[in-house]
PDB file of N, CA and C in Angstrom:
ATOM      1  N   UNK A   1     194.212 290.310 201.211  1.00  0.00           N
ATOM      2  CA  UNK A   1     193.268 290.490 202.693  1.00  0.00           C
ATOM      3  C   UNK A   1     192.281 289.634 201.925  1.00  0.00           C
ATOM      4  N   UNK A   2     191.190 288.983 202.900  1.00  0.00           N
ATOM      5  CA  UNK A   2     190.380 288.571 202.585  1.00  0.00           C
ATOM      6  C   UNK A   2     189.214 289.279 203.026  1.00  0.00           C
ATOM      7  N   UNK A   3     188.278 289.221 202.618  1.00  0.00           N
ATOM      8  CA  UNK A   3     187.134 290.328 203.217  1.00  0.00           C
ATOM      9  C   UNK A   3     186.460 290.315 204.054  1.00  0.00           C
ATOM     10  N   UNK A   4     186.904 288.982 205.166  1.00  0.00           N
ATOM     11  CA  UNK A   4     186.481 288.922 206.453  1.00  0.00           C
ATOM     12  C   UNK A   4     187.766 289.418 207.246  1.00  0.00           C
ATOM     13  N   UNK A   5     189.265 289.499 206.935  1.00  0.00           N
ATOM     14  CA  UNK A   5     190.220 290.885 207.093  1.00  0.00           C
ATOM     15  C   UNK A   5     189.683 292.183 207.321  1.00  0.00           C
ATOM     16  N   UNK A   6     188.638 292.732 206.022  1.00  0.00           N
ATOM     17  CA  UNK A   6     188.894 293.520 205.675  1.00  0.00           C
ATOM     18  C   UNK A   6     187.584 294.249 206.915  1.00  0.00           C
ATOM     19  N   UNK A   7     186.574 293.424 207.115  1.00  0.00           N
ATOM     20  CA  UNK A   7     185.548 293.447 207.919  1.00  0.00           C
ATOM     21  C   UNK A   7     185.826 293.597 209.442  1.00  0.00           C
ATOM     22  N   UNK A   8     186.949 292.812 209.465  1.00  0.00           N
ATOM     23  CA  UNK A   8     187.548 292.793 211.040  1.00  0.00           C
ATOM     24  C   UNK A   8     188.236 293.931 211.203  1.00  0.00           C
ATOM     25  N   UNK A   9     189.195 294.651 210.485  1.00  0.00           N
ATOM     26  CA  UNK A   9     190.242 295.978 210.654  1.00  0.00           C
ATOM     27  C   UNK A   9     189.385 297.021 210.588  1.00  0.00           C
ATOM     28  N   UNK A  10     187.783 296.866 209.947  1.00  0.00           N
ATOM     29  CA  UNK A  10     186.986 298.087 210.469  1.00  0.00           C
ATOM     30  C   UNK A  10     186.211 298.257 211.316  1.00  0.00           C
ATOM     31  N   UNK A  11     185.749 296.810 212.396  1.00  0.00           N
ATOM     32  CA  UNK A  11     185.269 297.069 213.393  1.00  0.00           C
ATOM     33  C   UNK A  11     186.273 297.419 214.103  1.00  0.00           C
ATOM     34  N   UNK A  12     187.527 296.771 214.473  1.00  0.00           N
ATOM     35  CA  UNK A  12     188.015 297.331 215.330  1.00  0.00           C
ATOM     36  C   UNK A  12     188.654 299.007 215.464  1.00  0.00           C
ATOM     37  N   UNK A  13     188.436 299.465 214.133  1.00  0.00           N
ATOM     38  CA  UNK A  13     188.464 301.087 213.902  1.00  0.00           C
ATOM     39  C   UNK A  13     187.611 301.553 214.908  1.00  0.00           C
ATOM     40  N   UNK A  14     186.311 300.758 214.292  1.00  0.00           N
ATOM     41  CA  UNK A  14     185.541 301.987 214.993  1.00  0.00           C
ATOM     42  C   UNK A  14     185.395 301.624 216.436  1.00  0.00           C
ATOM     43  N   UNK A  15     185.667 300.701 217.133  1.00  0.00           N
ATOM     44  CA  UNK A  15     186.196 300.095 218.655  1.00  0.00           C
ATOM     45  C   UNK A  15     187.051 300.982 219.358  1.00  0.00           C
ATOM     46  N   UNK A  16     187.962 301.219 218.233  1.00  0.00           N
ATOM     47  CA  UNK A  16     189.639 302.332 218.883  1.00  0.00           C
ATOM     48  C   UNK A  16     189.187 303.222 218.972  1.00  0.00           C
ATOM     49  N   UNK A  17     188.012 304.021 217.883  1.00  0.00           N
ATOM     50  CA  UNK A  17     187.841 305.557 217.567  1.00  0.00           C
ATOM     51  C   UNK A  17     186.983 305.525 218.558  1.00  0.00           C
ATOM     52  N   UNK A  18     185.979 305.351 218.722  1.00  0.00           N
ATOM     53  CA  UNK A  18     184.577 305.332 219.508  1.00  0.00           C
ATOM     54  C   UNK A  18     184.978 306.386 220.631  1.00  0.00           C
ATOM     55  N   UNK A  19     185.730 306.285 221.897  1.00  0.00           N
ATOM     56  CA  UNK A  19     186.070 306.539 222.896  1.00  0.00           C
ATOM     57  C   UNK A  19     186.678 308.060 222.413  1.00  0.00           C
ATOM     58  N   UNK A  20     187.470 308.741 221.369  1.00  0.00           N
ATOM     59  CA  UNK A  20     187.172 309.953 220.901  1.00  0.00           C
ATOM     60  C   UNK A  20     186.373 310.644 221.102  1.00  0.00           C
ATOM     61  N   UNK A  21     185.099 310.105 220.154  1.00  0.00           N
ATOM     62  CA  UNK A  21     184.390 310.610 219.433  1.00  0.00           C
ATOM     63  C   UNK A  21     183.197 310.916 221.255  1.00  0.00           C
ATOM     64  N   UNK A  22     183.564 310.188 221.527  1.00  0.00           N
ATOM     65  CA  UNK A  22     182.456 310.192 223.255  1.00  0.00           C
ATOM     66  C   UNK A  22     183.061 311.231 223.959  1.00  0.00           C
ATOM     67  N   UNK A  23     184.299 311.200 224.237  1.00  0.00           N
ATOM     68  CA  UNK A  23     185.122 312.580 225.350  1.00  0.00           C
ATOM     69  C   UNK A  23     185.063 313.442 225.049  1.00  0.00           C
ATOM     70  N   UNK A  24     185.185 314.269 223.468  1.00  0.00           N
ATOM     71  CA  UNK A  24     184.758 315.406 223.036  1.00  0.00           C
ATOM     72  C   UNK A  24     183.622 316.359 223.209  1.00  0.00           C
ATOM     73  N   UNK A  25     182.783 315.326 222.664  1.00  0.00           N
ATOM     74  CA  UNK A  25     181.231 315.660 223.169  1.00  0.00           C
ATOM     75  C   UNK A  25     180.903 316.161 224.799  1.00  0.00           C
ATOM     76  N   UNK A  26     181.328 314.892 225.734  1.00  0.00           N
ATOM     77  CA  UNK A  26     181.345 314.967 227.215  1.00  0.00           C
ATOM     78  C   UNK A  26     181.808 316.118 227.728  1.00  0.00           C
ATOM     79  N   UNK A  27     183.193 316.659 227.551  1.00  0.00           N
ATOM     80  CA  UNK A  27     183.961 317.530 228.233  1.00  0.00           C
ATOM     81  C   UNK A  27     183.250 318.739 228.161  1.00  0.00           C
ATOM     82  N   UNK A  28     183.236 319.105 229.675  1.00  0.00           N
ATOM     83  CA  UNK A  28     182.517 320.472 230.042  1.00  0.00           C
ATOM     84  C   UNK A  28     183.150 321.532 228.930  1.00  0.00           C
ATOM     85  N   UNK A  29     182.958 322.595 228.128  1.00  0.00           N
ATOM     86  CA  UNK A  29     183.514 323.977 228.007  1.00  0.00           C
ATOM     87  C   UNK A  29     183.367 325.096 228.981  1.00  0.00           C
ATOM     88  N   UNK A  30     184.324 325.600 228.829  1.00  0.00           N
ATOM     89  CA  UNK A  30     184.124 326.562 229.639  1.00  0.00           C
ATOM     90  C   UNK A  30     184.911 328.353 229.303  1.00  0.00           C
ATOM     91  N   UNK A  31     183.846 329.320 228.919  1.00  0.00           N
ATOM     92  CA  UNK A  31     184.594 330.416 228.554  1.00  0.00           C
ATOM     93  C   UNK A  31     185.260 330.852 229.430  1.00  0.00           C
ATOM     94  N   UNK A  32     186.827 331.255 229.095  1.00  0.00           N
ATOM     95  CA  UNK A  32     187.632 331.986 230.223  1.00  0.00           C
ATOM     96  C   UNK A  32     187.869 333.647 229.699  1.00  0.00           C
ATOM     97  N   UNK A  33     187.336 334.131 230.555  1.00  0.00           N
ATOM     98  CA  UNK A  33     187.395 336.146 230.399  1.00  0.00           C
ATOM     99  C   UNK A  33     188.930 336.551 231.003  1.00  0.00           C
ATOM    100  N   UNK A  34     190.048 336.847 230.520  1.00  0.00           N
ATOM    101  CA  UNK A  34     190.682 337.535 230.812  1.00  0.00           C
ATOM    102  C   UNK A  34     191.443 339.242 230.927  1.00  0.00           C
ATOM    103  N   UNK A  35     191.221 340.027 231.329  1.00  0.00           N
ATOM    104  CA  UNK A  35     191.954 341.377 231.581  1.00  0.00           C
ATOM    105  C   UNK A  35     192.985 341.518 231.815  1.00  0.00           C
ATOM    106  N   UNK A  36     194.300 342.395 230.841  1.00  0.00           N
ATOM    107  CA  UNK A  36     195.365 342.300 231.572  1.00  0.00           C
ATOM    108  C   UNK A  36     196.435 340.629 232.056  1.00  0.00           C
ATOM    109  N   UNK A  37     195.381 339.808 231.439  1.00  0.00           N
ATOM    110  CA  UNK A  37     196.224 338.710 232.167  1.00  0.00           C
ATOM    111  C   UNK A  37     195.820 338.038 233.040  1.00  0.00           C
ATOM    112  N   UNK A  38     194.978 338.498 233.098  1.00  0.00           N
ATOM    113  CA  UNK A  38     193.853 337.823 234.726  1.00  0.00           C
ATOM    114  C   UNK A  38     192.921 337.050 234.647  1.00  0.00           C
ATOM    115  N   UNK A  39     192.489 336.575 235.014  1.00  0.00           N
ATOM    116  CA  UNK A  39     191.496 335.866 235.008  1.00  0.00           C
ATOM    117  C   UNK A  39     190.055 337.130 235.814  1.00  0.00           C
ATOM    118  N   UNK A  40     189.370 337.362 235.302  1.00  0.00           N
ATOM    119  CA  UNK A  40     187.962 338.109 236.042  1.00  0.00           C
ATOM    120  C   UNK A  40     186.469 337.078 236.064  1.00  0.00           C
ATOM    121  N   UNK A  41     186.650 336.517 235.050  1.00  0.00           N
ATOM    122  CA  UNK A  41     185.430 335.533 235.011  1.00  0.00           C
ATOM    123  C   UNK A  41     186.174 334.013 234.275  1.00  0.00           C
ATOM    124  N   UNK A  42     184.797 333.421 234.518  1.00  0.00           N
ATOM    125  CA  UNK A  42     184.821 331.694 233.997  1.00  0.00           C
ATOM    126  C   UNK A  42     183.168 331.887 234.032  1.00  0.00           C
ATOM    127  N   UNK A  43     182.947 330.942 232.530  1.00  0.00           N
ATOM    128  CA  UNK A  43     181.545 330.472 232.288  1.00  0.00           C
ATOM    129  C   UNK A  43     181.203 329.412 231.903  1.00  0.00           C
ATOM    130  N   UNK A  44     180.227 329.003 232.086  1.00  0.00           N
ATOM    131  CA  UNK A  44     179.978 327.346 231.719  1.00  0.00           C
ATOM    132  C   UNK A  44     179.548 327.577 230.104  1.00  0.00           C
ATOM    133  N   UNK A  45     179.460 327.008 229.116  1.00  0.00           N
ATOM    134  CA  UNK A  45     179.302 327.571 227.543  1.00  0.00           C
ATOM    135  C   UNK A  45     177.453 326.654 228.110  1.00  0.00           C
ATOM    136  N   UNK A  46     177.299 325.790 228.623  1.00  0.00           N
ATOM    137  CA  UNK A  46     175.382 325.337 228.517  1.00  0.00           C
ATOM    138  C   UNK A  46     174.495 326.372 229.317  1.00  0.00           C
ATOM    139  N   UNK A  47     175.455 327.558 229.928  1.00  0.00           N
ATOM    140  CA  UNK A  47     174.718 328.244 230.404  1.00  0.00           C
ATOM    141  C   UNK A  47     174.246 329.570 229.165  1.00  0.00           C
ATOM    142  N   UNK A  48     173.264 330.337 229.519  1.00  0.00           N
ATOM    143  CA  UNK A  48     172.763 331.265 228.455  1.00  0.00           C
ATOM    144  C   UNK A  48     173.121 332.474 229.224  1.00  0.00           C
ATOM    145  N   UNK A  49     173.645 333.835 229.034  1.00  0.00           N
ATOM    146  CA  UNK A  49     173.433 334.683 229.702  1.00  0.00           C
ATOM    147  C   UNK A  49     174.420 335.935 228.874  1.00  0.00           C
ATOM    148  N   UNK A  50     174.059 337.607 228.834  1.00  0.00           N
ATOM    149  CA  UNK A  50     174.814 338.294 228.279  1.00  0.00           C
ATOM    150  C   UNK A  50     175.294 339.491 229.550  1.00  0.00           C
ATOM    151  N   UNK A  51     176.178 339.724 229.352  1.00  0.00           N
ATOM    152  CA  UNK A  51     176.588 340.737 230.794  1.00  0.00           C
ATOM    153  C   UNK A  51     177.709 341.564 229.906  1.00  0.00           C
ATOM    154  N   UNK A  52     178.052 343.071 230.787  1.00  0.00           N
ATOM    155  CA  UNK A  52     179.201 343.598 229.945  1.00  0.00           C
ATOM    156  C   UNK A  52     180.203 343.391 231.154  1.00  0.00           C
ATOM    157  N   UNK A  53     181.638 344.042 230.656  1.00  0.00           N
ATOM    158  CA  UNK A  53     182.471 343.829 230.836  1.00  0.00           C
ATOM    159  C   UNK A  53     183.225 345.043 230.645  1.00  0.00           C
ATOM    160  N   UNK A  54     183.616 345.978 231.746  1.00  0.00           N
ATOM    161  CA  UNK A  54     183.867 347.155 231.445  1.00  0.00           C
ATOM    162  C   UNK A  54     185.848 346.962 232.381  1.00  0.00           C
ATOM    163  N   UNK A  55     186.490 347.557 231.482  1.00  0.00           N
ATOM    164  CA  UNK A  55     187.831 347.618 231.942  1.00  0.00           C
ATOM    165  C   UNK A  55     188.593 348.258 231.872  1.00  0.00           C
ATOM    166  N   UNK A  56     189.036 349.234 232.722  1.00  0.00           N
ATOM    167  CA  UNK A  56     189.778 350.603 232.652  1.00  0.00           C
ATOM    168  C   UNK A  56     190.379 351.432 230.744  1.00  0.00           C
ATOM    169  N   UNK A  57     190.161 350.342 229.946  1.00  0.00           N
ATOM    170  CA  UNK A  57     190.346 351.094 228.528  1.00  0.00           C
ATOM    171  C   UNK A  57     188.926 350.873 227.711  1.00  0.00           C
ATOM    172  N   UNK A  58     187.990 350.423 228.500  1.00  0.00           N
ATOM    173  CA  UNK A  58     186.473 350.643 227.521  1.00  0.00           C
ATOM    174  C   UNK A  58     185.612 349.158 228.185  1.00  0.00           C
ATOM    175  N   UNK A  59     184.764 349.315 227.200  1.00  0.00           N
ATOM    176  CA  UNK A  59     183.699 348.266 227.565  1.00  0.00           C
ATOM    177  C   UNK A  59     183.243 347.688 226.746  1.00  0.00           C
ATOM    178  N   UNK A  60     182.816 346.369 226.926  1.00  0.00           N
ATOM    179  CA  UNK A  60     183.005 344.912 225.902  1.00  0.00           C
ATOM    180  C   UNK A  60     181.377 344.305 227.037  1.00  0.00           C
ATOM    181  N   UNK A  61     180.705 343.858 225.588  1.00  0.00           N
ATOM    182  CA  UNK A  61     179.695 342.948 226.227  1.00  0.00           C
ATOM    183  C   UNK A  61     179.859 341.462 225.253  1.00  0.00           C
ATOM    184  N   UNK A  62     179.447 341.118 226.423  1.00  0.00           N
ATOM    185  CA  UNK A  62     179.888 339.570 226.100  1.00  0.00           C
ATOM    186  C   UNK A  62     178.480 338.442 226.056  1.00  0.00           C
ATOM    187  N   UNK A  63     178.188 337.616 225.203  1.00  0.00           N
ATOM    188  CA  UNK A  63     177.227 336.871 225.219  1.00  0.00           C
ATOM    189  C   UNK A  63     177.072 335.537 225.281  1.00  0.00           C
ATOM    190  N   UNK A  64     177.143 334.026 225.968  1.00  0.00           N
ATOM    191  CA  UNK A  64     176.910 333.153 226.020  1.00  0.00           C
ATOM    192  C   UNK A  64     175.595 332.771 225.287  1.00  0.00           C
ATOM    193  N   UNK A  65     175.300 331.860 223.981  1.00  0.00           N
ATOM    194  CA  UNK A  65     174.442 331.237 223.621  1.00  0.00           C
ATOM    195  C   UNK A  65     174.844 330.145 222.624  1.00  0.00           C
ATOM    196  N   UNK A  66     173.861 329.249 222.456  1.00  0.00           N
ATOM    197  CA  UNK A  66     173.628 328.337 222.414  1.00  0.00           C
ATOM    198  C   UNK A  66     175.338 327.428 222.147  1.00  0.00           C
ATOM    199  N   UNK A  67     175.818 327.383 223.190  1.00  0.00           N
ATOM    200  CA  UNK A  67     177.073 326.559 223.261  1.00  0.00           C
ATOM    201  C   UNK A  67     178.338 327.376 222.956  1.00  0.00           C
ATOM    202  N   UNK A  68     178.412 328.751 222.592  1.00  0.00           N
ATOM    203  CA  UNK A  68     179.322 329.375 222.562  1.00  0.00           C
ATOM    204  C   UNK A  68     179.397 330.514 222.481  1.00  0.00           C
ATOM    205  N   UNK A  69     180.389 331.681 222.665  1.00  0.00           N
ATOM    206  CA  UNK A  69     180.434 333.081 223.186  1.00  0.00           C
ATOM    207  C   UNK A  69     181.396 333.762 222.080  1.00  0.00           C
ATOM    208  N   UNK A  70     180.591 334.873 222.633  1.00  0.00           N
ATOM    209  CA  UNK A  70     181.159 335.787 221.508  1.00  0.00           C
ATOM    210  C   UNK A  70     180.797 337.383 221.814  1.00  0.00           C
ATOM    211  N   UNK A  71     181.581 338.449 221.112  1.00  0.00           N
ATOM    212  CA  UNK A  71     181.603 339.634 221.754  1.00  0.00           C
ATOM    213  C   UNK A  71     180.555 340.329 221.319  1.00  0.00           C
ATOM    214  N   UNK A  72     179.512 340.972 221.299  1.00  0.00           N
ATOM    215  CA  UNK A  72     178.350 341.452 220.804  1.00  0.00           C
ATOM    216  C   UNK A  72     178.199 343.030 220.662  1.00  0.00           C
ATOM    217  N   UNK A  73     178.708 343.447 221.494  1.00  0.00           N
ATOM    218  CA  UNK A  73     179.626 345.000 221.088  1.00  0.00           C
ATOM    219  C   UNK A  73     180.490 345.652 221.935  1.00  0.00           C
ATOM    220  N   UNK A  74     181.199 346.526 221.596  1.00  0.00           N
ATOM    221  CA  UNK A  74     182.683 347.079 222.208  1.00  0.00           C
ATOM    222  C   UNK A  74     182.739 348.600 221.133  1.00  0.00           C
ATOM    223  N   UNK A  75     183.164 349.178 222.544  1.00  0.00           N
ATOM    224  CA  UNK A  75     183.692 350.774 222.318  1.00  0.00           C
ATOM    225  C   UNK A  75     185.082 350.888 222.032  1.00  0.00           C
ATOM    226  N   UNK A  76     185.367 349.858 221.367  1.00  0.00           N
ATOM    227  CA  UNK A  76     187.446 349.646 220.710  1.00  0.00           C
ATOM    228  C   UNK A  76     186.961 350.790 219.441  1.00  0.00           C
ATOM    229  N   UNK A  77     187.688 350.982 218.558  1.00  0.00           N
ATOM    230  CA  UNK A  77     187.811 351.730 217.409  1.00  0.00           C
ATOM    231  C   UNK A  77     187.873 351.100 216.610  1.00  0.00           C
ATOM    232  N   UNK A  78     188.599 349.584 216.594  1.00  0.00           N
ATOM    233  CA  UNK A  78     188.594 348.857 214.959  1.00  0.00           C
ATOM    234  C   UNK A  78     187.368 347.389 215.497  1.00  0.00           C
ATOM    235  N   UNK A  79     186.856 347.527 216.669  1.00  0.00           N
ATOM    236  CA  UNK A  79     185.944 346.379 216.582  1.00  0.00           C
ATOM    237  C   UNK A  79     186.238 345.099 216.159  1.00  0.00           C
ATOM    238  N   UNK A  80     187.646 344.581 216.221  1.00  0.00           N
ATOM    239  CA  UNK A  80     188.046 342.742 215.451  1.00  0.00           C
ATOM    240  C   UNK A  80     187.137 341.726 216.386  1.00  0.00           C
ATOM    241  N   UNK A  81     187.305 342.860 217.772  1.00  0.00           N
ATOM    242  CA  UNK A  81     186.662 341.321 218.677  1.00  0.00           C
ATOM    243  C   UNK A  81     185.069 340.974 218.388  1.00  0.00           C
ATOM    244  N   UNK A  82     184.561 342.154 218.044  1.00  0.00           N
ATOM    245  CA  UNK A  82     183.157 342.016 217.270  1.00  0.00           C
ATOM    246  C   UNK A  82     182.958 341.103 216.189  1.00  0.00           C
ATOM    247  N   UNK A  83     183.643 341.715 215.494  1.00  0.00           N
ATOM    248  CA  UNK A  83     183.591 340.767 213.990  1.00  0.00           C
ATOM    249  C   UNK A  83     184.301 339.236 214.017  1.00  0.00           C
ATOM    250  N   UNK A  84     185.177 339.052 214.987  1.00  0.00           N
ATOM    251  CA  UNK A  84     185.706 337.235 214.972  1.00  0.00           C
ATOM    252  C   UNK A  84     183.979 336.187 215.575  1.00  0.00           C
ATOM    253  N   UNK A  85     183.517 337.295 215.801  1.00  0.00           N
ATOM    254  CA  UNK A  85     181.978 336.209 215.483  1.00  0.00           C
ATOM    255  C   UNK A  85     182.157 335.160 217.000  1.00  0.00           C
ATOM    256  N   UNK A  86     181.228 334.030 217.092  1.00  0.00           N
ATOM    257  CA  UNK A  86     180.944 333.317 218.091  1.00  0.00           C
ATOM    258  C   UNK A  86     182.237 332.217 218.475  1.00  0.00           C
ATOM    259  N   UNK A  87     182.300 331.824 219.159  1.00  0.00           N
ATOM    260  CA  UNK A  87     183.382 330.738 219.162  1.00  0.00           C
ATOM    261  C   UNK A  87     183.112 330.095 220.397  1.00  0.00           C
ATOM    262  N   UNK A  88     183.163 328.449 219.826  1.00  0.00           N
ATOM    263  CA  UNK A  88     182.585 327.379 220.983  1.00  0.00           C
ATOM    264  C   UNK A  88     183.886 325.927 220.796  1.00  0.00           C
ATOM    265  N   UNK A  89     184.983 325.766 220.138  1.00  0.00           N
ATOM    266  CA  UNK A  89     185.493 325.100 220.274  1.00  0.00           C
ATOM    267  C   UNK A  89     187.023 325.356 221.089  1.00  0.00           C
ATOM    268  N   UNK A  90     187.397 324.126 222.150  1.00  0.00           N
ATOM    269  CA  UNK A  90     188.376 324.405 222.691  1.00  0.00           C
ATOM    270  C   UNK A  90     189.755 325.021 222.159  1.00  0.00           C
ATOM    271  N   UNK A  91     190.145 325.958 222.714  1.00  0.00           N
ATOM    272  CA  UNK A  91     191.630 326.466 222.206  1.00  0.00           C
ATOM    273  C   UNK A  91     190.845 327.732 221.235  1.00  0.00           C
ATOM    274  N   UNK A  92     189.824 328.048 221.469  1.00  0.00           N
ATOM    275  CA  UNK A  92     189.293 329.157 220.046  1.00  0.00           C
ATOM    276  C   UNK A  92     189.870 330.164 221.317  1.00  0.00           C
ATOM    277  N   UNK A  93     189.831 331.628 220.502  1.00  0.00           N
ATOM    278  CA  UNK A  93     190.428 333.071 221.529  1.00  0.00           C
ATOM    279  C   UNK A  93     189.756 333.678 220.954  1.00  0.00           C
ATOM    280  N   UNK A  94     189.339 335.122 221.760  1.00  0.00           N
ATOM    281  CA  UNK A  94     188.961 336.589 220.747  1.00  0.00           C
ATOM    282  C   UNK A  94     189.599 337.221 221.952  1.00  0.00           C
ATOM    283  N   UNK A  95     190.196 338.429 221.024  1.00  0.00           N
ATOM    284  CA  UNK A  95     191.127 339.132 221.532  1.00  0.00           C
ATOM    285  C   UNK A  95     190.426 340.767 221.744  1.00  0.00           C
ATOM    286  N   UNK A  96     190.264 341.256 222.032  1.00  0.00           N
ATOM    287  CA  UNK A  96     189.933 343.173 222.269  1.00  0.00           C
ATOM    288  C   UNK A  96     191.225 343.583 222.941  1.00  0.00           C
ATOM    289  N   UNK A  97     192.279 343.878 221.844  1.00  0.00           N
ATOM    290  CA  UNK A  97     193.908 344.395 222.024  1.00  0.00           C
ATOM    291  C   UNK A  97     193.515 345.967 222.745  1.00  0.00           C
ATOM    292  N   UNK A  98     193.119 347.144 222.374  1.00  0.00           N
ATOM    293  CA  UNK A  98     192.664 348.034 223.054  1.00  0.00           C
ATOM    294  C   UNK A  98     191.932 347.725 224.667  1.00  0.00           C
ATOM    295  N   UNK A  99     191.358 347.031 224.944  1.00  0.00           N
ATOM    296  CA  UNK A  99     190.701 346.875 226.481  1.00  0.00           C
ATOM    297  C   UNK A  99     191.652 346.118 226.980  1.00  0.00           C
ATOM    298  N   UNK A 100     192.825 344.443 226.976  1.00  0.00           N
ATOM    299  CA  UNK A 100     193.591 344.081 227.217  1.00  0.00           C
ATOM    300  C   UNK A 100     193.051 343.012 227.571  1.00  0.00           C
ATOM    301  N   UNK A 101     191.542 342.235 227.122  1.00  0.00           N
ATOM    302  CA  UNK A 101     190.957 341.216 226.883  1.00  0.00           C
ATOM    303  C   UNK A 101     190.971 340.471 226.001  1.00  0.00           C
ATOM    304  N   UNK A 102     191.144 339.176 226.846  1.00  0.00           N
ATOM    305  CA  UNK A 102     191.292 337.895 225.684  1.00  0.00           C
ATOM    306  C   UNK A 102     189.871 336.211 226.626  1.00  0.00           C
ATOM    307  N   UNK A 103     188.839 336.338 225.437  1.00  0.00           N
ATOM    308  CA  UNK A 103     188.001 334.647 226.109  1.00  0.00           C
ATOM    309  C   UNK A 103     188.996 333.965 225.120  1.00  0.00           C
ATOM    310  N   UNK A 104     188.892 332.863 225.833  1.00  0.00           N
ATOM    311  CA  UNK A 104     189.866 331.616 225.324  1.00  0.00           C
ATOM    312  C   UNK A 104     188.680 330.557 225.589  1.00  0.00           C
ATOM    313  N   UNK A 105     188.439 329.170 224.884  1.00  0.00           N
ATOM    314  CA  UNK A 105     187.576 328.196 225.163  1.00  0.00           C
ATOM    315  C   UNK A 105     188.534 327.311 226.142  1.00  0.00           C
ATOM    316  N   UNK A 106     188.171 327.045 227.104  1.00  0.00           N
ATOM    317  CA  UNK A 106     188.789 325.522 227.663  1.00  0.00           C
ATOM    318  C   UNK A 106     188.180 324.475 227.737  1.00  0.00           C
ATOM    319  N   UNK A 107     188.409 323.113 228.315  1.00  0.00           N
ATOM    320  CA  UNK A 107     188.047 322.260 228.293  1.00  0.00           C
ATOM    321  C   UNK A 107     188.018 321.950 230.169  1.00  0.00           C
ATOM    322  N   UNK A 108     186.870 321.062 230.697  1.00  0.00           N
ATOM    323  CA  UNK A 108     187.457 320.198 232.050  1.00  0.00           C
ATOM    324  C   UNK A 108     187.608 319.012 231.874  1.00  0.00           C
TER     325      UNK A 108
END
């Protein structure tokens, strides 16, 4: 291969991969909160909000900040959901098993 062939291949690769990079950033991200497998609330991660979520089993405080969602406080015994930290990528989840709560990031 000549130098020009390599340059042509590099340029074609850049053009081929650019749409994928643009699509991943342009997709609207939603935090879907489920309790007992039912959707109880959905949030746009572009907005900032903190709210309590009370279930029959207990209470969680959920915060949406800087394009991410986190459980910032909970009254469950192990607090794994709090220690999980913030999530911001499509497909990531936070689960609070004692409260039967699941938060998942979904793309629009």
